Protein backbone atom coordinates (compact mmCIF):
# COMPACT_ATOMS: atom_id res chain seq x y z
CA MET A 1 -0.30 0.04 -0.09
CA SER A 2 1.25 3.46 -0.82
CA HIS A 3 0.80 5.55 2.59
CA GLN A 4 2.32 9.06 -0.08
CA LYS A 5 -0.72 7.97 -2.21
CA HIS A 6 -3.30 8.26 0.63
CA LEU A 7 -2.01 11.55 2.15
CA ASN A 8 -1.78 12.91 -1.34
CA ASN A 9 -5.32 11.93 -1.69
CA LEU A 10 -6.57 13.55 1.58
CA LYS A 11 -4.78 17.06 1.13
CA LEU A 12 -5.72 17.04 -2.43
CA TYR A 13 -10.04 15.94 -2.58
CA GLY A 14 -9.93 15.32 1.08
CA ILE A 15 -10.69 11.95 0.88
CA THR A 16 -9.00 8.73 -0.04
CA VAL A 17 -10.43 4.74 -0.34
CA ILE A 18 -8.00 1.60 0.30
CA LYS A 19 -9.34 -1.43 -0.91
CA ASN A 20 -9.92 -4.73 0.63
CA VAL A 21 -9.13 -4.15 4.50
CA PHE A 22 -11.48 -6.37 5.17
CA SER A 23 -12.23 -9.21 3.42
CA LYS A 24 -16.51 -10.42 2.71
CA LYS A 25 -15.91 -13.44 5.41
CA LYS A 26 -15.25 -10.98 8.03
CA CYS A 27 -17.12 -8.16 7.02
CA GLU A 28 -20.22 -11.66 7.35
CA ASN A 29 -19.17 -11.91 10.20
CA TYR A 30 -19.33 -8.65 11.67
CA ILE A 31 -22.89 -8.28 10.69
CA ARG A 32 -23.71 -10.89 12.29
CA ARG A 33 -22.28 -10.01 15.43
CA SER A 34 -23.68 -6.18 14.77
CA GLU A 35 -27.12 -7.81 14.50
CA LEU A 36 -27.38 -10.05 17.40
CA LEU A 37 -25.76 -6.87 19.46
CA PHE A 38 -28.07 -4.77 17.80
CA LEU A 39 -31.27 -7.20 18.66
CA LYS A 40 -29.74 -7.63 22.54
CA LEU A 41 -29.50 -3.81 23.31
CA LEU A 42 -33.15 -3.36 21.47
CA LYS A 43 -34.86 -5.63 23.66
CA LYS A 44 -33.50 -3.66 26.68
CA LYS A 45 -34.04 -0.72 25.37
CA LYS A 46 -30.61 0.84 24.84
CA VAL A 47 -30.39 1.48 21.46
CA ASN A 48 -30.71 5.46 20.34
CA THR A 49 -31.09 6.81 16.74
CA PHE A 50 -31.36 10.32 15.41
CA SER A 51 -34.06 8.98 13.18
CA ASN A 52 -35.84 6.19 11.86
CA PHE A 53 -33.22 5.73 8.99
CA THR A 54 -30.15 5.38 11.38
CA GLN A 55 -29.71 3.06 14.23
CA MET A 56 -26.42 3.21 15.76
CA ILE A 57 -23.91 1.45 18.08
CA ASN A 58 -21.67 3.63 20.23
CA SER A 59 -18.73 2.16 21.72
CA PRO A 60 -19.69 -1.66 20.58
CA PHE A 61 -15.97 -3.09 23.04
CA GLN A 62 -18.39 -2.35 26.35
CA TYR A 63 -20.75 -5.24 25.28
CA ASP A 64 -18.28 -7.26 23.24
CA ASN A 65 -14.97 -7.83 23.06
CA PHE A 66 -15.11 -8.54 19.79
CA PHE A 67 -15.52 -5.62 18.75
CA PHE A 68 -11.86 -3.96 20.11
CA GLN A 69 -10.36 -4.58 16.41
CA GLN A 70 -12.38 -1.35 15.31
CA VAL A 71 -10.27 0.72 17.61
CA TYR A 72 -6.82 0.15 16.13
CA PHE A 73 -5.74 0.08 12.55
CA SER A 74 -1.77 -0.97 11.82
CA LYS A 75 -2.57 -0.19 8.47
CA ILE A 76 -3.51 3.42 8.96
CA ASP A 77 -1.18 3.24 11.28
CA LYS A 78 1.68 5.41 9.32
CA ILE A 79 -1.16 7.06 7.42
CA LEU A 80 -2.47 8.87 10.46
CA SER A 81 0.86 9.28 12.67
CA LYS A 82 1.83 11.53 9.63
CA LEU A 83 -1.72 13.41 9.79
CA LEU A 84 -2.49 13.39 13.91
CA ASP A 85 0.68 13.16 14.80
CA ARG A 86 2.13 9.68 16.64
CA ASN A 87 0.34 10.32 19.95
CA TYR A 88 -3.84 10.47 17.81
CA VAL A 89 -6.58 9.02 19.45
CA LEU A 90 -9.75 7.96 19.32
CA ILE A 91 -12.78 10.19 19.91
CA ASN A 92 -15.46 8.05 19.43
CA THR A 93 -16.48 4.59 17.81
CA ASN A 94 -19.77 3.35 16.37
CA LEU A 95 -21.50 0.42 14.46
CA ILE A 96 -23.63 2.20 11.78
CA ASN A 97 -26.88 0.38 10.31
CA HIS A 98 -27.86 2.82 7.42
CA LYS A 99 -31.47 1.41 7.20
CA ILE A 100 -34.85 2.42 7.61
CA PHE A 101 -35.94 0.93 10.91
CA SER A 102 -38.66 1.91 13.70
CA HIS A 103 -39.63 -0.36 17.00
CA PRO A 104 -40.87 1.78 19.71
CA ASN A 105 -37.97 0.55 21.93
CA ILE A 106 -36.21 2.96 19.89
CA LYS A 107 -35.01 6.86 21.69
CA ASN A 108 -34.66 9.35 18.87
CA ILE A 109 -32.12 11.70 21.25
CA ASN A 110 -33.54 14.58 18.04
CA SER A 111 -37.43 14.04 19.70
CA LYS A 112 -36.16 15.42 23.07
CA ASN A 113 -35.43 18.77 22.20
CA LYS A 114 -37.85 20.18 18.78
CA ARG A 115 -35.39 22.87 18.01
CA ALA A 116 -32.16 21.40 18.38
CA PRO A 117 -29.74 21.36 15.28
CA SER A 118 -30.66 18.68 12.91
CA PRO A 119 -28.63 15.53 13.20
CA VAL A 120 -25.64 13.91 11.58
CA TYR A 121 -26.71 11.31 10.26
CA ASN A 122 -30.22 12.96 8.55
CA SER A 123 -29.30 13.58 4.62
CA GLU A 124 -28.08 16.76 5.13
CA TRP A 125 -24.77 18.17 4.76
CA HIS A 126 -22.72 18.81 7.52
CA THR A 127 -19.04 18.24 8.43
CA ASP A 128 -18.02 16.36 11.59
CA SER A 129 -15.47 19.20 11.83
CA ARG A 130 -15.33 21.91 14.61
CA TYR A 131 -16.26 25.20 14.40
CA LEU A 132 -15.16 28.90 16.21
CA GLY A 133 -17.26 32.02 15.49
CA GLY A 134 -19.21 30.33 12.36
CA LYS A 135 -16.16 29.18 10.81
CA ARG A 136 -14.41 26.01 11.49
CA VAL A 137 -11.04 25.09 12.99
CA GLY A 138 -8.20 25.01 10.50
CA ARG A 139 -7.92 21.64 7.79
CA GLY A 140 -6.71 18.73 8.76
CA LEU A 141 -8.15 18.74 12.46
CA SER A 142 -9.50 15.23 12.61
CA TYR A 143 -10.23 12.37 10.49
CA ILE A 144 -13.45 9.97 9.91
CA VAL A 145 -12.23 6.23 9.23
CA THR A 146 -14.92 3.84 8.12
CA ILE A 147 -15.42 0.49 6.55
CA PRO A 148 -18.30 -0.54 4.49
CA LEU A 149 -20.21 -4.20 5.89
CA ASP A 150 -22.26 -3.84 3.22
CA ASP A 151 -21.68 -2.48 0.09
CA PHE A 152 -22.87 1.30 -0.86
CA ASN A 153 -24.10 1.62 -3.80
CA LEU A 154 -25.62 5.17 -6.09
CA GLU A 155 -28.66 4.96 -3.82
CA ASN A 156 -27.19 4.76 0.21
CA GLY A 157 -24.17 5.76 -0.75
CA THR A 158 -22.69 8.85 0.79
CA ARG A 159 -22.61 12.31 -0.90
CA TYR A 160 -19.34 13.79 -0.65
CA ILE A 161 -18.54 17.52 -1.92
CA PRO A 162 -14.02 16.91 -2.68
CA LYS A 163 -12.42 19.42 -2.69
CA SER A 164 -14.74 21.09 0.18
CA HIS A 165 -12.48 21.03 3.16
CA TYR A 166 -10.98 23.88 2.49
CA SER A 167 -13.32 25.80 3.20
CA ASP A 168 -13.64 27.72 6.02
CA LYS A 169 -17.48 28.08 6.08
CA ILE A 170 -20.65 26.41 7.84
CA PRO A 171 -22.25 24.14 4.66
CA THR A 172 -25.97 25.26 4.01
CA ARG A 173 -27.71 20.99 5.38
CA ASN A 174 -30.96 21.34 2.79
CA ALA A 175 -28.74 23.02 -0.21
CA ASN A 176 -27.86 21.79 -3.52
CA TYR A 177 -24.67 21.14 -4.03
CA LYS A 178 -22.60 19.87 -7.23
CA HIS A 179 -21.67 16.17 -5.43
CA LYS A 180 -20.16 12.69 -5.86
CA VAL A 181 -21.73 9.22 -4.42
CA LEU A 182 -18.95 6.96 -2.54
CA THR A 183 -19.93 3.88 -3.44
CA PRO A 184 -17.41 1.23 -1.97
CA LYS A 185 -17.37 -2.49 -1.70
CA LYS A 186 -17.44 -4.12 1.65
CA GLY A 187 -14.54 -4.22 3.16
CA ASP A 188 -13.25 -1.40 1.63
CA MET A 189 -11.78 1.66 4.30
CA VAL A 190 -12.34 5.19 3.57
CA ILE A 191 -10.75 8.13 5.30
CA PHE A 192 -11.59 11.53 4.52
CA ASP A 193 -11.24 14.87 6.37
CA SER A 194 -13.26 15.80 8.88
CA GLY A 195 -13.59 19.18 7.85
CA LEU A 196 -15.14 17.53 4.36
CA TRP A 197 -18.80 18.52 3.31
CA HIS A 198 -20.83 15.21 3.52
CA LYS A 199 -24.33 13.56 4.27
CA ALA A 200 -26.16 10.39 3.82
CA GLY A 201 -27.44 8.82 0.40
CA ASN A 202 -30.64 7.36 0.75
CA ALA A 203 -31.66 4.93 3.17
CA THR A 204 -33.70 1.72 2.12
CA ASN A 205 -35.15 -1.55 3.42
CA LYS A 206 -32.27 -3.27 2.99
CA GLY A 207 -28.98 -3.70 5.89
CA ARG A 208 -26.17 -1.21 5.38
CA TRP A 209 -23.95 -1.61 7.99
CA SER A 210 -20.79 -0.04 8.53
CA ILE A 211 -17.75 0.94 11.38
CA PHE A 212 -17.20 5.15 11.52
CA ASN A 213 -14.24 5.87 14.08
CA TYR A 214 -13.47 10.31 14.50
CA TYR A 215 -9.78 10.13 15.36
CA GLY A 216 -8.31 13.17 16.44
CA PRO A 217 -5.05 14.17 18.07
CA TRP A 218 -3.91 13.35 21.42
CA TRP A 219 -5.57 16.98 23.07
CA MET A 220 -8.97 16.08 22.13
CA LYS A 221 -11.60 15.38 23.76
CA PRO A 222 -13.56 11.62 24.08
CA TYR A 223 -16.96 11.65 23.31
CA PHE A 224 -16.35 9.31 26.27
CA MET A 225 -15.22 8.44 28.89
CA TYR A 226 -13.53 5.11 28.77
CA ASP A 227 -11.68 4.26 32.42
CA GLN A 228 -14.34 4.68 33.46
CA MET A 229 -16.76 2.81 30.96
CA LEU A 230 -14.85 -0.28 30.95
CA GLY A 231 -13.56 -0.68 34.58
CA LYS A 232 -9.72 -1.61 35.47
CA ARG A 233 -10.53 -5.58 34.99
CA LYS A 234 -10.78 -5.26 30.99
CA ILE A 235 -8.21 -1.81 31.33
CA ASN A 236 -5.94 -4.46 32.09
CA LYS A 237 -6.43 -6.48 28.88
CA LEU A 238 -5.82 -3.57 26.49
CA SER A 239 -2.43 -3.69 23.88
CA VAL A 240 -0.92 -0.45 24.32
CA ASN A 241 -2.14 0.50 21.24
CA ILE A 242 -5.64 0.21 22.33
CA LYS A 243 -4.78 1.89 25.42
CA ARG A 244 -3.43 4.90 23.50
CA MET A 245 -6.56 5.00 21.12
CA LEU A 246 -8.13 4.92 23.96
CA HIS A 247 -6.88 8.15 25.61
CA PHE A 248 -5.02 5.90 29.06
CA TYR A 249 -1.62 7.74 27.96
CA SER A 250 -2.97 10.91 27.11
CA SER A 251 -4.96 12.38 29.92
CA PRO A 252 -4.49 15.00 32.36
CA PRO A 253 -2.66 13.93 35.87
CA LYS A 254 -4.93 14.46 38.70
CA ASN A 255 -2.62 17.42 39.83
CA ASP A 256 1.14 18.55 39.71
CA HIS A 257 2.24 16.09 42.66
CA ILE A 258 1.87 13.30 40.08
CA ARG A 259 2.89 14.87 36.82
CA THR A 260 3.26 18.10 34.70
CA HIS A 261 3.34 15.98 31.22
CA THR A 262 -0.42 14.88 29.67
CA VAL A 263 0.77 12.16 27.45
CA VAL A 264 3.27 9.61 28.44
CA LYS A 265 5.01 7.03 27.19
CA TYR A 266 4.52 3.34 26.56
């Protein structure tokens, strides 16, 4: 794999695709495990969704150790280390099924506040970056890594605007922008700048599972407190690379008597 080729694509277009990272068999096994977990959480009323067409399982490894394998990918470690520094971390990870689906046990997190901004996965243009004063914080701040476990097609594939990561503006959510459709095959890996303008394709009655990871520099806060989520017993069994991804080597110390630096050696 040519790391430089993908780095060039990310710099120029804001997106790159790496072929065949997962085998077809591995994708099928991943979907099977994802479906089982989804049904288990659904029964317990622990499934969140932004709408009736995007079901998510946040931090799936908290329920099943099988999913720790989606936290760190050695295949792209050099790429992310070049983009985000070698101490880069995972900000969030989830499993997403972009499919029309409704169930009384699903909690729609957007229904709590009708005045809240439209959620990320509602087929409206957005970025996954951060804004201050109405302008996006620098290009290359963070990167999204996603692995389709089902094939994406022209109907359900993600829409994106090449080179839009150069803009610091906020996209108009319902605008009719000229765009391309992302149609990777199951097992491919897509990396894109979090500032790239994109939106989900049309949901169908057919499942479209994918892994969705958000990586950033060591000083970005994670979405969740992984140390409290996992507990000492599970943490002690984790590899160094997974601990690094989950901020165990980049969390601030309790006080300056313990240490004065945030990042520690591992």
